Amino acid sequence: MFYIIGLGLGDCKDITVKGLEIVRKCDRVYLEAYTSILTCGVEVLEKFYGRKILIADRDLVEQGADDILSGSEEQDIALLVVGDPFGATTHTDLILRARDRGLSFQVVHNASILNAVGCCGLQLYSFGETISIPYWTENWKPDSFFEKITKNYQNKLHTLCLLDIKVKEPTVESLTRKKREYMPPRFMSVSEASDQLLEIVHKVKKTAENVVITDETLCVGLARVGSDTQKIVACSLREMSKFDLGGPLHSLIIVGPEIHPLEQEFLEQYRL
């Protein structure tokens, strides 16, 4: 059997009982280590699970998927995923590969940021389409996601913004060489995301008559959701661009124009 097991968002103890039982009986256990991170290291996981864990980096998951699946006809193999297994399309692709090879598979679900974001008090059914904000470079500044934020806002919905992370990202220079060199890991903060959004807002203002997202639009910044050091703050987009929520991982919410009284009351405890 091939298993994909969600680990939740906090630490080693957030795995479900069902997931832990499977991990302890598997012949090989991989940890997918590039679409998200836990607040504890792999050594802590190994000690708690009582198992050796193999790191599945970006190259292995995206290009060596067959190596992960190899042997699951006769053995039990598990891939551990931070959050929920269906939080990234990469894991969906692995399941499709297993199905195409006629392999048996099972998914063990867990909490992800897509539902845990309700910890700030905003009601989940009031969220519109989730978007991702990528890191900009000097020559590449995509902003198509801003249209989706605007559409959600016009429909009186909140927008969850998932922020970019760079783990084992090859340097541009090394792409033309035989030997890959990698950039240091980077995790986008709410202040960096807000800076990029403000730049888009100011650019759009020059050409559009009615810009619904402004410097004063209410936002919620979340850091390390599900961990003991979880932190939440509610403030304007401009204020968020200057606020430090500490270490990763961060998420940003653009709050819709109409807030339910219960949402309003809950958010007050997080306002600057």
Protein backbone atom coordinates (compact mmCIF):
# COMPACT_ATOMS: atom_id res chain seq x y z
CA MET A 1 0.00 0.00 0.00
CA PHE A 2 1.11 3.55 -0.74
CA TYR A 3 0.00 6.04 1.93
CA ILE A 4 -0.06 9.83 1.85
CA ILE A 5 -0.42 11.05 5.42
CA GLY A 6 -1.21 14.59 6.56
CA LEU A 7 0.79 15.82 9.55
CA GLY A 8 -1.26 18.90 10.45
CA LEU A 9 0.29 22.30 11.03
CA GLY A 10 2.04 22.31 14.40
CA ASP A 11 4.58 19.74 15.54
CA CYS A 12 5.17 15.99 15.65
CA LYS A 13 2.13 15.37 17.86
CA ASP A 14 -0.39 16.74 15.36
CA ILE A 15 -0.40 13.53 13.34
CA THR A 16 -3.64 11.54 13.74
CA VAL A 17 -3.68 8.27 15.67
CA LYS A 18 -4.52 6.49 12.42
CA GLY A 19 -1.59 8.14 10.65
CA LEU A 20 0.84 7.31 13.45
CA GLU A 21 -0.18 3.64 13.44
CA ILE A 22 0.47 3.47 9.69
CA VAL A 23 3.85 5.22 9.94
CA ARG A 24 5.06 2.76 12.57
CA LYS A 25 4.26 -0.26 10.38
CA CYS A 26 5.60 1.05 7.05
CA ASP A 27 8.73 -0.29 5.37
CA ARG A 28 9.77 3.17 4.07
CA VAL A 29 8.69 6.61 5.27
CA TYR A 30 9.34 9.82 3.33
CA LEU A 31 8.82 13.41 4.46
CA GLU A 32 7.91 15.86 1.69
CA ALA A 33 10.03 18.85 2.62
CA TYR A 34 9.49 21.67 0.17
CA THR A 35 5.81 22.72 -0.14
CA SER A 36 5.60 23.51 3.59
CA ILE A 37 7.42 23.07 6.90
CA LEU A 38 6.68 22.06 10.48
CA THR A 39 7.90 24.00 13.51
CA CYS A 40 10.04 21.00 14.55
CA GLY A 41 12.91 19.29 12.76
CA VAL A 42 13.01 15.82 11.20
CA GLU A 43 15.02 14.49 14.18
CA VAL A 44 12.07 15.26 16.48
CA LEU A 45 9.72 13.43 14.11
CA GLU A 46 12.00 10.39 14.03
CA LYS A 47 12.21 10.23 17.81
CA PHE A 48 8.44 10.54 18.26
CA TYR A 49 7.51 8.12 15.47
CA GLY A 50 10.29 5.68 16.31
CA ARG A 51 11.17 5.46 12.62
CA LYS A 52 13.90 6.56 10.23
CA ILE A 53 12.54 9.21 7.86
CA LEU A 54 13.83 9.82 4.35
CA ILE A 55 13.72 13.43 3.12
CA ALA A 56 11.83 13.86 -0.16
CA ASP A 57 13.04 17.16 -1.59
CA ARG A 58 11.65 18.94 -4.62
CA ASP A 59 13.76 17.01 -7.13
CA LEU A 60 12.73 13.64 -5.71
CA VAL A 61 9.00 14.42 -5.47
CA GLU A 62 8.68 16.08 -8.88
CA GLN A 63 11.22 14.11 -10.91
CA GLY A 64 11.76 10.91 -8.95
CA ALA A 65 8.17 10.06 -8.04
CA ASP A 66 8.64 6.54 -9.44
CA ASP A 67 11.44 5.97 -6.94
CA ILE A 68 9.07 6.82 -4.08
CA LEU A 69 6.36 4.50 -5.42
CA SER A 70 8.81 1.71 -6.26
CA GLY A 71 8.18 -1.41 -4.23
CA SER A 72 4.73 -0.47 -2.96
CA GLU A 73 3.36 -3.59 -4.66
CA GLU A 74 5.04 -5.66 -1.93
CA GLN A 75 5.77 -3.08 0.79
CA ASP A 76 3.98 -0.36 2.75
CA ILE A 77 5.38 3.05 1.82
CA ALA A 78 4.30 6.38 3.33
CA LEU A 79 4.79 9.97 2.24
CA LEU A 80 4.30 12.46 5.08
CA VAL A 81 2.89 15.85 4.09
CA VAL A 82 2.66 18.98 6.25
CA GLY A 83 -0.99 20.02 6.52
CA ASP A 84 -3.39 17.95 4.41
CA PRO A 85 -2.34 15.69 1.50
CA PHE A 86 -4.52 17.58 -0.98
CA GLY A 87 -3.11 20.99 -0.07
CA ALA A 88 -0.71 20.86 -3.05
CA THR A 89 -1.17 19.63 -6.62
CA THR A 90 2.14 17.73 -6.35
CA HIS A 91 0.50 15.19 -4.07
CA THR A 92 -2.50 14.82 -6.37
CA ASP A 93 -0.06 13.96 -9.16
CA LEU A 94 1.52 11.24 -7.01
CA ILE A 95 -1.87 9.63 -6.41
CA LEU A 96 -2.63 9.71 -10.14
CA ARG A 97 0.73 8.02 -10.83
CA ALA A 98 -0.05 5.33 -8.25
CA ARG A 99 -3.48 4.75 -9.78
CA ASP A 100 -2.04 4.54 -13.30
CA ARG A 101 0.42 1.89 -12.12
CA GLY A 102 -2.39 -0.11 -10.52
CA LEU A 103 -1.03 0.49 -7.01
CA SER A 104 -3.22 0.52 -3.92
CA PHE A 105 -3.18 3.85 -2.07
CA GLN A 106 -4.78 5.43 0.96
CA VAL A 107 -4.99 9.08 2.07
CA VAL A 108 -5.03 10.11 5.74
CA HIS A 109 -6.32 13.65 6.12
CA ASN A 110 -5.36 16.33 8.65
CA ALA A 111 -5.79 20.05 9.31
CA SER A 112 -4.47 22.52 6.74
CA ILE A 113 -4.22 26.30 6.58
CA LEU A 114 -7.34 26.25 4.38
CA ASN A 115 -9.49 25.40 7.39
CA ALA A 116 -7.27 26.37 10.32
CA VAL A 117 -7.37 29.98 9.08
CA GLY A 118 -10.72 30.19 10.86
CA CYS A 119 -8.74 30.67 14.09
CA CYS A 120 -8.74 34.42 13.44
CA GLY A 121 -12.54 34.51 13.75
CA LEU A 122 -13.44 35.06 10.11
CA GLN A 123 -16.07 32.55 9.01
CA LEU A 124 -14.84 29.98 6.48
CA TYR A 125 -17.92 30.19 4.25
CA SER A 126 -17.23 33.93 3.80
CA PHE A 127 -13.96 33.27 1.95
CA GLY A 128 -13.68 33.49 -1.82
CA GLU A 129 -11.00 32.02 -4.09
CA THR A 130 -7.65 31.37 -2.39
CA ILE A 131 -4.64 32.95 -4.12
CA SER A 132 -0.86 32.58 -3.95
CA ILE A 133 1.57 35.51 -3.83
CA PRO A 134 4.95 34.65 -5.40
CA TYR A 135 8.27 36.31 -4.70
CA TRP A 136 9.04 39.04 -7.21
CA THR A 137 12.39 39.46 -8.89
CA GLU A 138 13.90 42.49 -10.54
CA ASN A 139 12.57 41.45 -13.94
CA TRP A 140 9.49 39.39 -13.00
CA LYS A 141 6.59 40.96 -11.11
CA PRO A 142 3.38 38.99 -11.78
CA ASP A 143 0.19 40.58 -10.46
CA SER A 144 -2.66 38.57 -12.03
CA PHE A 145 -3.71 37.37 -8.56
CA PHE A 146 -4.77 40.94 -7.70
CA GLU A 147 -7.81 40.59 -9.99
CA LYS A 148 -8.98 37.61 -7.93
CA ILE A 149 -8.56 39.56 -4.67
CA THR A 150 -10.57 42.43 -6.20
CA LYS A 151 -13.30 40.08 -7.41
CA ASN A 152 -13.59 38.45 -3.98
CA TYR A 153 -13.80 41.89 -2.36
CA GLN A 154 -16.51 43.04 -4.77
CA ASN A 155 -18.43 39.87 -3.93
CA LYS A 156 -18.10 40.76 -0.22
CA LEU A 157 -15.77 37.83 0.44
CA HIS A 158 -12.45 37.49 2.26
CA THR A 159 -9.30 36.34 0.43
CA LEU A 160 -6.75 33.93 1.89
CA CYS A 161 -3.30 34.66 0.43
CA LEU A 162 -0.79 31.82 0.61
CA LEU A 163 2.73 33.21 0.65
CA ASP A 164 5.67 31.93 -1.35
CA ILE A 165 8.40 29.71 0.08
CA LYS A 166 11.69 28.86 -1.61
CA VAL A 167 13.30 25.60 -0.51
CA LYS A 168 16.14 24.06 -2.54
CA GLU A 169 15.62 26.61 -5.30
CA PRO A 170 18.45 26.47 -7.89
CA THR A 171 20.31 29.68 -8.63
CA VAL A 172 19.79 31.14 -12.11
CA GLU A 173 23.50 30.87 -12.82
CA SER A 174 23.64 27.16 -12.00
CA LEU A 175 20.77 26.23 -14.35
CA THR A 176 23.18 26.26 -17.29
CA ARG A 177 25.81 24.19 -15.48
CA LYS A 178 26.02 20.49 -14.77
CA LYS A 179 26.32 21.06 -11.03
CA ARG A 180 23.28 22.63 -9.36
CA GLU A 181 23.76 25.30 -6.71
CA TYR A 182 20.89 26.31 -4.47
CA MET A 183 19.75 29.56 -2.89
CA PRO A 184 19.28 29.76 0.89
CA PRO A 185 15.71 28.91 2.00
CA ARG A 186 13.32 31.87 1.99
CA PHE A 187 9.84 32.20 3.46
CA MET A 188 7.71 35.20 2.51
CA SER A 189 6.47 37.28 5.44
CA VAL A 190 3.19 39.19 5.67
CA SER A 191 5.13 42.44 5.48
CA GLU A 192 6.82 41.41 2.21
CA ALA A 193 3.49 40.29 0.74
CA SER A 194 1.84 43.55 1.81
CA ASP A 195 4.66 45.57 0.22
CA GLN A 196 4.06 43.83 -3.11
CA LEU A 197 0.29 44.33 -2.84
CA LEU A 198 0.76 48.04 -2.08
CA GLU A 199 2.93 48.42 -5.16
CA ILE A 200 0.16 46.85 -7.27
CA VAL A 201 -2.49 49.08 -5.64
CA HIS A 202 -0.51 52.22 -6.45
CA LYS A 203 0.10 51.07 -10.01
CA VAL A 204 -3.58 50.25 -10.60
CA LYS A 205 -4.62 53.64 -9.19
CA LYS A 206 -2.86 55.36 -12.08
CA THR A 207 -5.05 53.69 -14.72
CA ALA A 208 -8.29 52.66 -12.96
CA GLU A 209 -11.01 54.97 -11.70
CA ASN A 210 -12.35 52.72 -8.94
CA VAL A 211 -9.80 50.72 -6.92
CA VAL A 212 -11.56 48.78 -4.15
CA ILE A 213 -8.35 47.61 -2.42
CA THR A 214 -6.48 50.53 -0.82
CA ASP A 215 -3.72 51.22 1.70
CA GLU A 216 -6.38 51.22 4.43
CA THR A 217 -8.05 47.92 3.56
CA LEU A 218 -8.33 45.70 6.63
CA CYS A 219 -5.97 42.69 6.63
CA VAL A 220 -5.18 39.83 8.98
CA GLY A 221 -1.68 38.43 9.29
CA LEU A 222 -1.16 34.93 10.68
CA ALA A 223 2.08 33.21 11.63
CA ARG A 224 2.85 29.62 12.64
CA VAL A 225 -0.82 28.63 12.80
CA GLY A 226 -1.37 25.56 14.96
CA SER A 227 1.88 25.93 16.92
CA ASP A 228 2.52 27.16 20.46
CA THR A 229 3.93 30.41 19.03
CA GLN A 230 0.93 31.17 16.80
CA LYS A 231 0.49 34.89 16.27
CA ILE A 232 -2.34 36.91 14.67
CA VAL A 233 -2.65 40.62 13.99
CA ALA A 234 -5.38 42.69 12.31
CA CYS A 235 -4.57 46.08 10.79
CA SER A 236 -4.54 48.04 7.53
CA LEU A 237 -2.57 46.86 4.51
CA ARG A 238 -0.18 49.79 4.99
CA GLU A 239 0.40 48.92 8.67
CA MET A 240 0.87 45.24 7.80
CA SER A 241 3.73 46.14 5.45
CA LYS A 242 5.68 47.34 8.51
CA PHE A 243 4.72 44.62 10.97
CA ASP A 244 7.01 41.76 12.00
CA LEU A 245 5.23 38.51 12.88
CA GLY A 246 8.47 36.60 13.44
CA GLY A 247 9.49 33.30 11.88
CA PRO A 248 7.66 31.29 9.19
CA LEU A 249 5.17 30.24 7.99
CA HIS A 250 2.99 33.29 7.33
CA SER A 251 -0.42 33.74 5.69
CA LEU A 252 -2.30 36.94 4.84
CA ILE A 253 -6.03 37.60 4.65
CA ILE A 254 -7.58 40.52 2.77
CA VAL A 255 -10.81 41.07 4.71
CA GLY A 256 -14.00 41.66 2.73
CA PRO A 257 -15.92 44.97 2.94
CA GLU A 258 -18.74 43.57 5.11
CA ILE A 259 -17.93 41.79 8.36
CA HIS A 260 -20.44 39.84 10.44
CA PRO A 261 -20.79 41.22 14.01
CA LEU A 262 -19.33 37.98 15.43
CA GLU A 263 -16.34 38.27 13.07
CA GLN A 264 -15.90 41.90 14.08
CA GLU A 265 -15.99 41.08 17.79
CA PHE A 266 -13.50 38.22 17.43
CA LEU A 267 -11.08 40.30 15.31
CA GLU A 268 -10.96 43.11 17.87
CA GLN A 269 -8.62 41.10 20.12
CA TYR A 270 -6.03 41.03 17.32
CA ARG A 271 -6.11 44.66 16.27
CA LEU A 272 -3.00 46.74 16.64
